[in-house]
Amino acid sequence: MPIPNEHLNQFKEGESGNPNGRPKGSRNLSTILKEMLEEDVEVVIDGKKERRQFQEVIIRKLLKKANDGDIRAIEQIFDRTEGKAKQTVDFTGIVDTRKTTSDLFPDQLKAE
């Protein structure tokens, strides 16, 4: 879909689309999430109310799911602790590296 003409010259050359930038003191999503994960929440453990960091509660739930056999939870745990497994791709038979570009495209690369 083409861009309407009134939007083509929306900003003058050398003029910022956001001259004031992000307001000072504003926090990004990552900062807010980290702060919330560090907050204490009330949980019931073995019938007793206790305060734990929210991130610990999430980890405990993930570990319980893995213990119950949830494959996705197990993958998450190993990906976070050991790193994701590298995936290899086998290119055997796809490209003959002994050929040059002129061998592959003789008609297009004729010397003039």
PDB file of N, CA and C in Angstrom:
ATOM      1  N   MET A   1       0.847  -1.181   0.000  1.00  0.00           N
ATOM      2  CA  MET A   1       0.000   0.000   0.000  1.00  0.00           C
ATOM      3  C   MET A   1       0.893   1.245   0.000  1.00  0.00           C
ATOM      4  N   PRO A   2       0.717   2.147  -0.955  1.00  0.00           N
ATOM      5  CA  PRO A   2       1.568   3.342  -1.024  1.00  0.00           C
ATOM      6  C   PRO A   2       1.328   4.299   0.135  1.00  0.00           C
ATOM      7  N   ILE A   3       2.363   5.072   0.473  1.00  0.00           N
ATOM      8  CA  ILE A   3       2.270   6.055   1.554  1.00  0.00           C
ATOM      9  C   ILE A   3       1.557   7.300   1.016  1.00  0.00           C
ATOM     10  N   PRO A   4       0.520   7.789   1.728  1.00  0.00           N
ATOM     11  CA  PRO A   4      -0.168   9.004   1.269  1.00  0.00           C
ATOM     12  C   PRO A   4       0.791  10.188   1.191  1.00  0.00           C
ATOM     13  N   ASN A   5       0.576  11.063   0.205  1.00  0.00           N
ATOM     14  CA  ASN A   5       1.475  12.202  -0.039  1.00  0.00           C
ATOM     15  C   ASN A   5       1.639  13.116   1.161  1.00  0.00           C
ATOM     16  N   GLU A   6       0.583  13.307   1.966  1.00  0.00           N
ATOM     17  CA  GLU A   6       0.697  14.233   3.093  1.00  0.00           C
ATOM     18  C   GLU A   6       1.672  13.729   4.156  1.00  0.00           C
ATOM     19  N   HIS A   7       2.012  12.431   4.125  1.00  0.00           N
ATOM     20  CA  HIS A   7       2.943  11.879   5.112  1.00  0.00           C
ATOM     21  C   HIS A   7       4.377  11.810   4.586  1.00  0.00           C
ATOM     22  N   LEU A   8       4.570  12.034   3.279  1.00  0.00           N
ATOM     23  CA  LEU A   8       5.916  11.929   2.715  1.00  0.00           C
ATOM     24  C   LEU A   8       6.856  12.998   3.254  1.00  0.00           C
ATOM     25  N   ASN A   9       6.378  14.201   3.455  1.00  0.00           N
ATOM     26  CA  ASN A   9       7.207  15.301   3.955  1.00  0.00           C
ATOM     27  C   ASN A   9       6.732  15.736   5.336  1.00  0.00           C
ATOM     28  N   GLN A  10       6.441  14.752   6.167  1.00  0.00           N
ATOM     29  CA  GLN A  10       5.906  15.034   7.492  1.00  0.00           C
ATOM     30  C   GLN A  10       6.894  15.827   8.347  1.00  0.00           C
ATOM     31  N   PHE A  11       8.202  15.512   8.241  1.00  0.00           N
ATOM     32  CA  PHE A  11       9.221  16.206   9.027  1.00  0.00           C
ATOM     33  C   PHE A  11      10.184  16.895   8.080  1.00  0.00           C
ATOM     34  N   LYS A  12      10.582  18.091   8.453  1.00  0.00           N
ATOM     35  CA  LYS A  12      11.560  18.818   7.652  1.00  0.00           C
ATOM     36  C   LYS A  12      12.925  18.150   7.815  1.00  0.00           C
ATOM     37  N   GLU A  13      13.764  18.276   6.791  1.00  0.00           N
ATOM     38  CA  GLU A  13      15.082  17.672   6.835  1.00  0.00           C
ATOM     39  C   GLU A  13      15.866  18.228   8.016  1.00  0.00           C
ATOM     40  N   GLY A  14      16.467  17.321   8.792  1.00  0.00           N
ATOM     41  CA  GLY A  14      17.249  17.721   9.956  1.00  0.00           C
ATOM     42  C   GLY A  14      16.408  17.955  11.196  1.00  0.00           C
ATOM     43  N   GLU A  15      15.091  17.757  11.112  1.00  0.00           N
ATOM     44  CA  GLU A  15      14.187  17.970  12.254  1.00  0.00           C
ATOM     45  C   GLU A  15      13.789  16.605  12.813  1.00  0.00           C
ATOM     46  N   SER A  16      13.881  16.461  14.096  1.00  0.00           N
ATOM     47  CA  SER A  16      13.535  15.202  14.745  1.00  0.00           C
ATOM     48  C   SER A  16      12.024  15.027  14.812  1.00  0.00           C
ATOM     49  N   GLY A  17      11.591  13.787  14.704  1.00  0.00           N
ATOM     50  CA  GLY A  17      10.177  13.480  14.858  1.00  0.00           C
ATOM     51  C   GLY A  17       9.764  13.490  16.320  1.00  0.00           C
ATOM     52  N   ASN A  18      10.735  13.458  17.195  1.00  0.00           N
ATOM     53  CA  ASN A  18      10.468  13.478  18.629  1.00  0.00           C
ATOM     54  C   ASN A  18      11.511  14.406  19.273  1.00  0.00           C
ATOM     55  N   PRO A  19      11.345  15.731  19.117  1.00  0.00           N
ATOM     56  CA  PRO A  19      12.388  16.667  19.554  1.00  0.00           C
ATOM     57  C   PRO A  19      12.680  16.641  21.051  1.00  0.00           C
ATOM     58  N   ASN A  20      11.700  16.356  21.869  1.00  0.00           N
ATOM     59  CA  ASN A  20      11.926  16.349  23.319  1.00  0.00           C
ATOM     60  C   ASN A  20      12.460  15.016  23.812  1.00  0.00           C
ATOM     61  N   GLY A  21      12.350  13.975  23.001  1.00  0.00           N
ATOM     62  CA  GLY A  21      12.831  12.654  23.402  1.00  0.00           C
ATOM     63  C   GLY A  21      11.975  12.058  24.500  1.00  0.00           C
ATOM     64  N   ARG A  22      12.454  10.973  25.048  1.00  0.00           N
ATOM     65  CA  ARG A  22      11.746  10.318  26.139  1.00  0.00           C
ATOM     66  C   ARG A  22      11.887  11.169  27.391  1.00  0.00           C
ATOM     67  N   PRO A  23      10.805  11.337  28.157  1.00  0.00           N
ATOM     68  CA  PRO A  23      10.883  12.173  29.366  1.00  0.00           C
ATOM     69  C   PRO A  23      11.918  11.634  30.352  1.00  0.00           C
ATOM     70  N   LYS A  24      12.644  12.528  31.011  1.00  0.00           N
ATOM     71  CA  LYS A  24      13.627  12.124  32.014  1.00  0.00           C
ATOM     72  C   LYS A  24      12.914  11.411  33.152  1.00  0.00           C
ATOM     73  N   GLY A  25      13.549  10.366  33.628  1.00  0.00           N
ATOM     74  CA  GLY A  25      12.992   9.624  34.752  1.00  0.00           C
ATOM     75  C   GLY A  25      12.007   8.551  34.343  1.00  0.00           C
ATOM     76  N   SER A  26      11.629   8.499  33.071  1.00  0.00           N
ATOM     77  CA  SER A  26      10.700   7.443  32.658  1.00  0.00           C
ATOM     78  C   SER A  26      11.458   6.122  32.620  1.00  0.00           C
ATOM     79  N   ARG A  27      10.770   5.064  32.974  1.00  0.00           N
ATOM     80  CA  ARG A  27      11.414   3.759  33.056  1.00  0.00           C
ATOM     81  C   ARG A  27      10.948   2.891  31.897  1.00  0.00           C
ATOM     82  N   ASN A  28      11.844   2.066  31.394  1.00  0.00           N
ATOM     83  CA  ASN A  28      11.454   1.177  30.312  1.00  0.00           C
ATOM     84  C   ASN A  28      10.849  -0.111  30.877  1.00  0.00           C
ATOM     85  N   LEU A  29      10.319  -0.917  29.998  1.00  0.00           N
ATOM     86  CA  LEU A  29       9.618  -2.136  30.405  1.00  0.00           C
ATOM     87  C   LEU A  29      10.521  -3.073  31.203  1.00  0.00           C
ATOM     88  N   SER A  30      11.776  -3.210  30.774  1.00  0.00           N
ATOM     89  CA  SER A  30      12.702  -4.104  31.447  1.00  0.00           C
ATOM     90  C   SER A  30      12.936  -3.685  32.898  1.00  0.00           C
ATOM     91  N   THR A  31      13.094  -2.393  33.131  1.00  0.00           N
ATOM     92  CA  THR A  31      13.310  -1.878  34.489  1.00  0.00           C
ATOM     93  C   THR A  31      12.102  -2.141  35.370  1.00  0.00           C
ATOM     94  N   ILE A  32      10.920  -1.870  34.836  1.00  0.00           N
ATOM     95  CA  ILE A  32       9.684  -2.087  35.604  1.00  0.00           C
ATOM     96  C   ILE A  32       9.525  -3.555  35.943  1.00  0.00           C
ATOM     97  N   LEU A  33       9.773  -4.427  34.972  1.00  0.00           N
ATOM     98  CA  LEU A  33       9.634  -5.871  35.197  1.00  0.00           C
ATOM     99  C   LEU A  33      10.608  -6.351  36.265  1.00  0.00           C
ATOM    100  N   LYS A  34      11.864  -5.906  36.192  1.00  0.00           N
ATOM    101  CA  LYS A  34      12.852  -6.312  37.197  1.00  0.00           C
ATOM    102  C   LYS A  34      12.426  -5.870  38.591  1.00  0.00           C
ATOM    103  N   GLU A  35      11.909  -4.647  38.706  1.00  0.00           N
ATOM    104  CA  GLU A  35      11.453  -4.151  40.012  1.00  0.00           C
ATOM    105  C   GLU A  35      10.297  -4.992  40.538  1.00  0.00           C
ATOM    106  N   MET A  36       9.360  -5.340  39.662  1.00  0.00           N
ATOM    107  CA  MET A  36       8.198  -6.124  40.096  1.00  0.00           C
ATOM    108  C   MET A  36       8.604  -7.539  40.504  1.00  0.00           C
ATOM    109  N   LEU A  37       9.587  -8.126  39.805  1.00  0.00           N
ATOM    110  CA  LEU A  37      10.045  -9.468  40.147  1.00  0.00           C
ATOM    111  C   LEU A  37      10.739  -9.504  41.507  1.00  0.00           C
ATOM    112  N   GLU A  38      11.283  -8.356  41.937  1.00  0.00           N
ATOM    113  CA  GLU A  38      11.961  -8.291  43.230  1.00  0.00           C
ATOM    114  C   GLU A  38      11.012  -7.978  44.385  1.00  0.00           C
ATOM    115  N   GLU A  39       9.743  -7.666  44.076  1.00  0.00           N
ATOM    116  CA  GLU A  39       8.769  -7.365  45.133  1.00  0.00           C
ATOM    117  C   GLU A  39       8.442  -8.618  45.936  1.00  0.00           C
ATOM    118  N   ASP A  40       8.172  -8.423  47.211  1.00  0.00           N
ATOM    119  CA  ASP A  40       7.748  -9.529  48.062  1.00  0.00           C
ATOM    120  C   ASP A  40       6.245  -9.743  47.911  1.00  0.00           C
ATOM    121  N   VAL A  41       5.857 -11.019  47.826  1.00  0.00           N
ATOM    122  CA  VAL A  41       4.445 -11.393  47.776  1.00  0.00           C
ATOM    123  C   VAL A  41       4.179 -12.423  48.865  1.00  0.00           C
ATOM    124  N   GLU A  42       2.939 -12.517  49.273  1.00  0.00           N
ATOM    125  CA  GLU A  42       2.572 -13.472  50.309  1.00  0.00           C
ATOM    126  C   GLU A  42       2.153 -14.778  49.658  1.00  0.00           C
ATOM    127  N   VAL A  43       2.769 -15.875  50.097  1.00  0.00           N
ATOM    128  CA  VAL A  43       2.445 -17.200  49.568  1.00  0.00           C
ATOM    129  C   VAL A  43       2.230 -18.156  50.728  1.00  0.00           C
ATOM    130  N   VAL A  44       1.552 -19.259  50.434  1.00  0.00           N
ATOM    131  CA  VAL A  44       1.336 -20.288  51.445  1.00  0.00           C
ATOM    132  C   VAL A  44       2.242 -21.464  51.104  1.00  0.00           C
ATOM    133  N   ILE A  45       3.170 -21.778  52.023  1.00  0.00           N
ATOM    134  CA  ILE A  45       4.077 -22.899  51.853  1.00  0.00           C
ATOM    135  C   ILE A  45       3.897 -23.834  53.041  1.00  0.00           C
ATOM    136  N   ASP A  46       3.530 -25.079  52.755  1.00  0.00           N
ATOM    137  CA  ASP A  46       3.266 -26.082  53.799  1.00  0.00           C
ATOM    138  C   ASP A  46       2.256 -25.572  54.824  1.00  0.00           C
ATOM    139  N   GLY A  47       1.227 -24.878  54.343  1.00  0.00           N
ATOM    140  CA  GLY A  47       0.158 -24.393  55.206  1.00  0.00           C
ATOM    141  C   GLY A  47       0.475 -23.123  55.969  1.00  0.00           C
ATOM    142  N   LYS A  48       1.694 -22.566  55.799  1.00  0.00           N
ATOM    143  CA  LYS A  48       2.066 -21.346  56.496  1.00  0.00           C
ATOM    144  C   LYS A  48       2.216 -20.205  55.505  1.00  0.00           C
ATOM    145  N   LYS A  49       1.743 -19.020  55.903  1.00  0.00           N
ATOM    146  CA  LYS A  49       1.913 -17.838  55.063  1.00  0.00           C
ATOM    147  C   LYS A  49       3.331 -17.317  55.223  1.00  0.00           C
ATOM    148  N   GLU A  50       3.969 -17.086  54.086  1.00  0.00           N
ATOM    149  CA  GLU A  50       5.331 -16.558  54.087  1.00  0.00           C
ATOM    150  C   GLU A  50       5.451 -15.491  53.016  1.00  0.00           C
ATOM    151  N   ARG A  51       6.457 -14.636  53.164  1.00  0.00           N
ATOM    152  CA  ARG A  51       6.726 -13.612  52.144  1.00  0.00           C
ATOM    153  C   ARG A  51       7.951 -14.051  51.361  1.00  0.00           C
ATOM    154  N   ARG A  52       7.817 -14.061  50.048  1.00  0.00           N
ATOM    155  CA  ARG A  52       8.910 -14.436  49.157  1.00  0.00           C
ATOM    156  C   ARG A  52       8.956 -13.463  47.991  1.00  0.00           C
ATOM    157  N   GLN A  53      10.120 -13.364  47.365  1.00  0.00           N
ATOM    158  CA  GLN A  53      10.203 -12.542  46.167  1.00  0.00           C
ATOM    159  C   GLN A  53       9.387 -13.207  45.059  1.00  0.00           C
ATOM    160  N   PHE A  54       8.736 -12.367  44.259  1.00  0.00           N
ATOM    161  CA  PHE A  54       7.878 -12.862  43.195  1.00  0.00           C
ATOM    162  C   PHE A  54       8.655 -13.760  42.229  1.00  0.00           C
ATOM    163  N   GLN A  55       9.916 -13.406  41.934  1.00  0.00           N
ATOM    164  CA  GLN A  55      10.710 -14.230  41.024  1.00  0.00           C
ATOM    165  C   GLN A  55      10.934 -15.632  41.584  1.00  0.00           C
ATOM    166  N   GLU A  56      11.068 -15.757  42.901  1.00  0.00           N
ATOM    167  CA  GLU A  56      11.230 -17.077  43.522  1.00  0.00           C
ATOM    168  C   GLU A  56       9.954 -17.896  43.377  1.00  0.00           C
ATOM    169  N   VAL A  57       8.811 -17.245  43.523  1.00  0.00           N
ATOM    170  CA  VAL A  57       7.526 -17.941  43.384  1.00  0.00           C
ATOM    171  C   VAL A  57       7.393 -18.492  41.956  1.00  0.00           C
ATOM    172  N   ILE A  58       7.755 -17.691  40.970  1.00  0.00           N
ATOM    173  CA  ILE A  58       7.671 -18.118  39.576  1.00  0.00           C
ATOM    174  C   ILE A  58       8.599 -19.309  39.324  1.00  0.00           C
ATOM    175  N   ILE A  59       9.819 -19.231  39.844  1.00  0.00           N
ATOM    176  CA  ILE A  59      10.784 -20.316  39.659  1.00  0.00           C
ATOM    177  C   ILE A  59      10.273 -21.596  40.295  1.00  0.00           C
ATOM    178  N   ARG A  60       9.709 -21.490  41.503  1.00  0.00           N
ATOM    179  CA  ARG A  60       9.165 -22.677  42.173  1.00  0.00           C
ATOM    180  C   ARG A  60       8.041 -23.317  41.355  1.00  0.00           C
ATOM    181  N   LYS A  61       7.173 -22.480  40.770  1.00  0.00           N
ATOM    182  CA  LYS A  61       6.079 -23.009  39.943  1.00  0.00           C
ATOM    183  C   LYS A  61       6.621 -23.700  38.700  1.00  0.00           C
ATOM    184  N   LEU A  62       7.655 -23.106  38.084  1.00  0.00           N
ATOM    185  CA  LEU A  62       8.270 -23.706  36.905  1.00  0.00           C
ATOM    186  C   LEU A  62       8.906 -25.053  37.264  1.00  0.00           C
ATOM    187  N   LEU A  63       9.596 -25.102  38.399  1.00  0.00           N
ATOM    188  CA  LEU A  63      10.216 -26.351  38.840  1.00  0.00           C
ATOM    189  C   LEU A  63       9.166 -27.426  39.134  1.00  0.00           C
ATOM    190  N   LYS A  64       8.038 -27.025  39.721  1.00  0.00           N
ATOM    191  CA  LYS A  64       6.972 -27.992  39.995  1.00  0.00           C
ATOM    192  C   LYS A  64       6.420 -28.559  38.698  1.00  0.00           C
ATOM    193  N   LYS A  65       6.203 -27.696  37.699  1.00  0.00           N
ATOM    194  CA  LYS A  65       5.712 -28.170  36.405  1.00  0.00           C
ATOM    195  C   LYS A  65       6.703 -29.156  35.781  1.00  0.00           C
ATOM    196  N   ALA A  66       7.993 -28.826  35.856  1.00  0.00           N
ATOM    197  CA  ALA A  66       9.017 -29.721  35.303  1.00  0.00           C
ATOM    198  C   ALA A  66       9.007 -31.047  36.038  1.00  0.00           C
ATOM    199  N   ASN A  67       8.848 -30.993  37.347  1.00  0.00           N
ATOM    200  CA  ASN A  67       8.795 -32.204  38.160  1.00  0.00           C
ATOM    201  C   ASN A  67       7.580 -33.070  37.804  1.00  0.00           C
ATOM    202  N   ASP A  68       6.507 -32.417  37.368  1.00  0.00           N
ATOM    203  CA  ASP A  68       5.296 -33.145  36.966  1.00  0.00           C
ATOM    204  C   ASP A  68       5.386 -33.659  35.532  1.00  0.00           C
ATOM    205  N   GLY A  69       6.516 -33.398  34.854  1.00  0.00           N
ATOM    206  CA  GLY A  69       6.734 -33.939  33.518  1.00  0.00           C
ATOM    207  C   GLY A  69       6.425 -32.986  32.375  1.00  0.00           C
ATOM    208  N   ASP A  70       6.204 -31.713  32.664  1.00  0.00           N
ATOM    209  CA  ASP A  70       5.909 -30.734  31.611  1.00  0.00           C
ATOM    210  C   ASP A  70       7.186 -30.475  30.807  1.00  0.00           C
ATOM    211  N   ILE A  71       7.182 -30.941  29.544  1.00  0.00           N
ATOM    212  CA  ILE A  71       8.365 -30.833  28.695  1.00  0.00           C
ATOM    213  C   ILE A  71       8.780 -29.381  28.469  1.00  0.00           C
ATOM    214  N   ARG A  72       7.814 -28.491  28.251  1.00  0.00           N
ATOM    215  CA  ARG A  72       8.157 -27.077  28.032  1.00  0.00           C
ATOM    216  C   ARG A  72       8.849 -26.477  29.250  1.00  0.00           C
ATOM    217  N   ALA A  73       8.385 -26.838  30.427  1.00  0.00           N
ATOM    218  CA  ALA A  73       9.017 -26.327  31.648  1.00  0.00           C
ATOM    219  C   ALA A  73      10.444 -26.857  31.760  1.00  0.00           C
ATOM    220  N   ILE A  74      10.634 -28.130  31.420  1.00  0.00           N
ATOM    221  CA  ILE A  74      11.971 -28.718  31.462  1.00  0.00           C
ATOM    222  C   ILE A  74      12.888 -28.002  30.470  1.00  0.00           C
ATOM    223  N   GLU A  75      12.390 -27.757  29.257  1.00  0.00           N
ATOM    224  CA  GLU A  75      13.184 -27.042  28.252  1.00  0.00           C
ATOM    225  C   GLU A  75      13.562 -25.652  28.742  1.00  0.00           C
ATOM    226  N   GLN A  76      12.602 -24.949  29.344  1.00  0.00           N
ATOM    227  CA  GLN A  76      12.876 -23.603  29.849  1.00  0.00           C
ATOM    228  C   GLN A  76      13.999 -23.625  30.884  1.00  0.00           C
ATOM    229  N   ILE A  77      13.937 -24.578  31.781  1.00  0.00           N
ATOM    230  CA  ILE A  77      14.951 -24.663  32.837  1.00  0.00           C
ATOM    231  C   ILE A  77      16.328 -24.907  32.233  1.00  0.00           C
ATOM    232  N   PHE A  78      16.422 -25.880  31.322  1.00  0.00           N
ATOM    233  CA  PHE A  78      17.718 -26.169  30.718  1.00  0.00           C
ATOM    234  C   PHE A  78      18.198 -25.041  29.818  1.00  0.00           C
ATOM    235  N   ASP A  79      17.293 -24.411  29.076  1.00  0.00           N
ATOM    236  CA  ASP A  79      17.693 -23.279  28.229  1.00  0.00           C
ATOM    237  C   ASP A  79      18.237 -22.132  29.062  1.00  0.00           C
ATOM    238  N   ARG A  80      17.653 -21.900  30.231  1.00  0.00           N
ATOM    239  CA  ARG A  80      18.080 -20.789  31.090  1.00  0.00           C
ATOM    240  C   ARG A  80      19.361 -21.098  31.849  1.00  0.00           C
ATOM    241  N   THR A  81      19.586 -22.384  32.169  1.00  0.00           N
ATOM    242  CA  THR A  81      20.765 -22.717  32.963  1.00  0.00           C
ATOM    243  C   THR A  81      21.947 -23.172  32.117  1.00  0.00           C
ATOM    244  N   GLU A  82      21.680 -23.910  31.044  1.00  0.00           N
ATOM    245  CA  GLU A  82      22.746 -24.469  30.212  1.00  0.00           C
ATOM    246  C   GLU A  82      22.910 -23.744  28.885  1.00  0.00           C
ATOM    247  N   GLY A  83      21.948 -22.899  28.539  1.00  0.00           N
ATOM    248  CA  GLY A  83      21.958 -22.239  27.237  1.00  0.00           C
ATOM    249  C   GLY A  83      21.217 -23.103  26.234  1.00  0.00           C
ATOM    250  N   LYS A  84      20.638 -22.456  25.244  1.00  0.00           N
ATOM    251  CA  LYS A  84      19.889 -23.206  24.234  1.00  0.00           C
ATOM    252  C   LYS A  84      20.842 -24.086  23.444  1.00  0.00           C
ATOM    253  N   ALA A  85      20.349 -25.273  23.087  1.00  0.00           N
ATOM    254  CA  ALA A  85      21.145 -26.187  22.283  1.00  0.00           C
ATOM    255  C   ALA A  85      21.332 -25.603  20.893  1.00  0.00           C
ATOM    256  N   LYS A  86      22.553 -25.722  20.375  1.00  0.00           N
ATOM    257  CA  LYS A  86      22.808 -25.212  19.037  1.00  0.00           C
ATOM    258  C   LYS A  86      22.195 -26.164  18.027  1.00  0.00           C
ATOM    259  N   GLN A  87      21.527 -25.595  17.040  1.00  0.00           N
ATOM    260  CA  GLN A  87      20.917 -26.396  15.999  1.00  0.00           C
ATOM    261  C   GLN A  87      21.854 -26.413  14.802  1.00  0.00           C
ATOM    262  N   THR A  88      22.139 -27.596  14.301  1.00  0.00           N
ATOM    263  CA  THR A  88      23.016 -27.689  13.144  1.00  0.00           C
ATOM    264  C   THR A  88      22.180 -27.903  11.892  1.00  0.00           C
ATOM    265  N   VAL A  89      22.705 -27.432  10.784  1.00  0.00           N
ATOM    266  CA  VAL A  89      22.032 -27.594   9.506  1.00  0.00           C
ATOM    267  C   VAL A  89      22.990 -28.315   8.575  1.00  0.00           C
ATOM    268  N   ASP A  90      22.515 -29.389   7.962  1.00  0.00           N
ATOM    269  CA  ASP A  90      23.332 -30.170   7.056  1.00  0.00           C
ATOM    270  C   ASP A  90      23.120 -29.666   5.632  1.00  0.00           C
ATOM    271  N   PHE A  91      24.172 -29.149   5.011  1.00  0.00           N
ATOM    272  CA  PHE A  91      24.088 -28.626   3.652  1.00  0.00           C
ATOM    273  C   PHE A  91      24.591 -29.642   2.625  1.00  0.00           C
ATOM    274  N   THR A  92      24.800 -30.875   3.013  1.00  0.00           N
ATOM    275  CA  THR A  92      25.330 -31.884   2.116  1.00  0.00           C
ATOM    276  C   THR A  92      24.458 -32.005   0.878  1.00  0.00           C
ATOM    277  N   GLY A  93      25.086 -31.908  -0.265  1.00  0.00           N
ATOM    278  CA  GLY A  93      24.368 -32.098  -1.521  1.00  0.00           C
ATOM    279  C   GLY A  93      23.605 -30.884  -2.009  1.00  0.00           C
ATOM    280  N   ILE A  94      23.558 -29.819  -1.242  1.00  0.00           N
ATOM    281  CA  ILE A  94      22.800 -28.644  -1.654  1.00  0.00           C
ATOM    282  C   ILE A  94      23.626 -27.777  -2.589  1.00  0.00           C
ATOM    283  N   VAL A  95      24.888 -27.550  -2.260  1.00  0.00           N
ATOM    284  CA  VAL A  95      25.738 -26.683  -3.066  1.00  0.00           C
ATOM    285  C   VAL A  95      27.057 -27.397  -3.341  1.00  0.00           C
ATOM    286  N   ASP A  96      27.449 -27.416  -4.598  1.00  0.00           N
ATOM    287  CA  ASP A  96      28.748 -27.962  -4.956  1.00  0.00           C
ATOM    288  C   ASP A  96      29.733 -26.801  -4.892  1.00  0.00           C
ATOM    289  N   THR A  97      30.548 -26.775  -3.866  1.00  0.00           N
ATOM    290  CA  THR A  97      31.441 -25.633  -3.640  1.00  0.00           C
ATOM    291  C   THR A  97      32.589 -25.576  -4.637  1.00  0.00           C
ATOM    292  N   ARG A  98      32.765 -26.622  -5.435  1.00  0.00           N
ATOM    293  CA  ARG A  98      33.857 -26.625  -6.408  1.00  0.00           C
ATOM    294  C   ARG A  98      33.499 -25.809  -7.653  1.00  0.00           C
ATOM    295  N   LYS A  99      32.245 -25.503  -7.815  1.00  0.00           N
ATOM    296  CA  LYS A  99      31.829 -24.744  -8.990  1.00  0.00           C
ATOM    297  C   LYS A  99      31.968 -23.249  -8.728  1.00  0.00           C
ATOM    298  N   THR A 100      32.274 -22.515  -9.764  1.00  0.00           N
ATOM    299  CA  THR A 100      32.368 -21.069  -9.644  1.00  0.00           C
ATOM    300  C   THR A 100      31.064 -20.452 -10.118  1.00  0.00           C
ATOM    301  N   THR A 101      30.924 -19.167  -9.916  1.00  0.00           N
ATOM    302  CA  THR A 101      29.723 -18.467 -10.359  1.00  0.00           C
ATOM    303  C   THR A 101      29.563 -18.580 -11.866  1.00  0.00           C
ATOM    304  N   SER A 102      30.657 -18.495 -12.592  1.00  0.00           N
ATOM    305  CA  SER A 102      30.554 -18.594 -14.050  1.00  0.00           C
ATOM    306  C   SER A 102      30.139 -19.993 -14.481  1.00  0.00           C
ATOM    307  N   ASP A 103      30.471 -21.021 -13.700  1.00  0.00           N
ATOM    308  CA  ASP A 103      30.009 -22.380 -14.007  1.00  0.00           C
ATOM    309  C   ASP A 103      28.503 -22.506 -13.791  1.00  0.00           C
ATOM    310  N   LEU A 104      28.001 -21.833 -12.756  1.00  0.00           N
ATOM    311  CA  LEU A 104      26.580 -21.942 -12.420  1.00  0.00           C
ATOM    312  C   LEU A 104      25.708 -21.094 -13.329  1.00  0.00           C
ATOM    313  N   PHE A 105      26.227 -19.948 -13.779  1.00  0.00           N
ATOM    314  CA  PHE A 105      25.444 -19.023 -14.600  1.00  0.00           C
ATOM    315  C   PHE A 105      26.239 -18.630 -15.854  1.00  0.00           C
ATOM    316  N   PRO A 106      26.510 -19.566 -16.746  1.00  0.00           N
ATOM    317  CA  PRO A 106      27.378 -19.243 -17.886  1.00  0.00           C
ATOM    318  C   PRO A 106      26.763 -18.229 -18.852  1.00  0.00           C
ATOM    319  N   ASP A 107      25.458 -18.248 -19.032  1.00  0.00           N
ATOM    320  CA  ASP A 107      24.824 -17.337 -19.985  1.00  0.00           C
ATOM    321  C   ASP A 107      24.808 -15.905 -19.472  1.00  0.00           C
ATOM    322  N   GLN A 108      24.660 -15.715 -18.178  1.00  0.00           N
ATOM    323  CA  GLN A 108      24.550 -14.379 -17.629  1.00  0.00           C
ATOM    324  C   GLN A 108      25.896 -13.676 -17.497  1.00  0.00           C
ATOM    325  N   LEU A 109      26.992 -14.416 -17.461  1.00  0.00           N
ATOM    326  CA  LEU A 109      28.288 -13.814 -17.172  1.00  0.00           C
ATOM    327  C   LEU A 109      29.252 -13.875 -18.354  1.00  0.00           C
ATOM    328  N   LYS A 110      28.738 -13.883 -19.567  1.00  0.00           N
ATOM    329  CA  LYS A 110      29.607 -13.917 -20.737  1.00  0.00           C
ATOM    330  C   LYS A 110      30.413 -12.623 -20.818  1.00  0.00           C
ATOM    331  N   ALA A 111      31.675 -12.755 -21.113  1.00  0.00           N
ATOM    332  CA  ALA A 111      32.539 -11.580 -21.277  1.00  0.00           C
ATOM    333  C   ALA A 111      32.149 -10.849 -22.559  1.00  0.00           C
ATOM    334  N   GLU A 112      32.080  -9.562 -22.492  1.00  0.00           N
ATOM    335  CA  GLU A 112      31.693  -8.763 -23.663  1.00  0.00           C
ATOM    336  C   GLU A 112      32.892  -8.183 -24.346  1.00  0.00           C
TER     337      GLU A 112
END
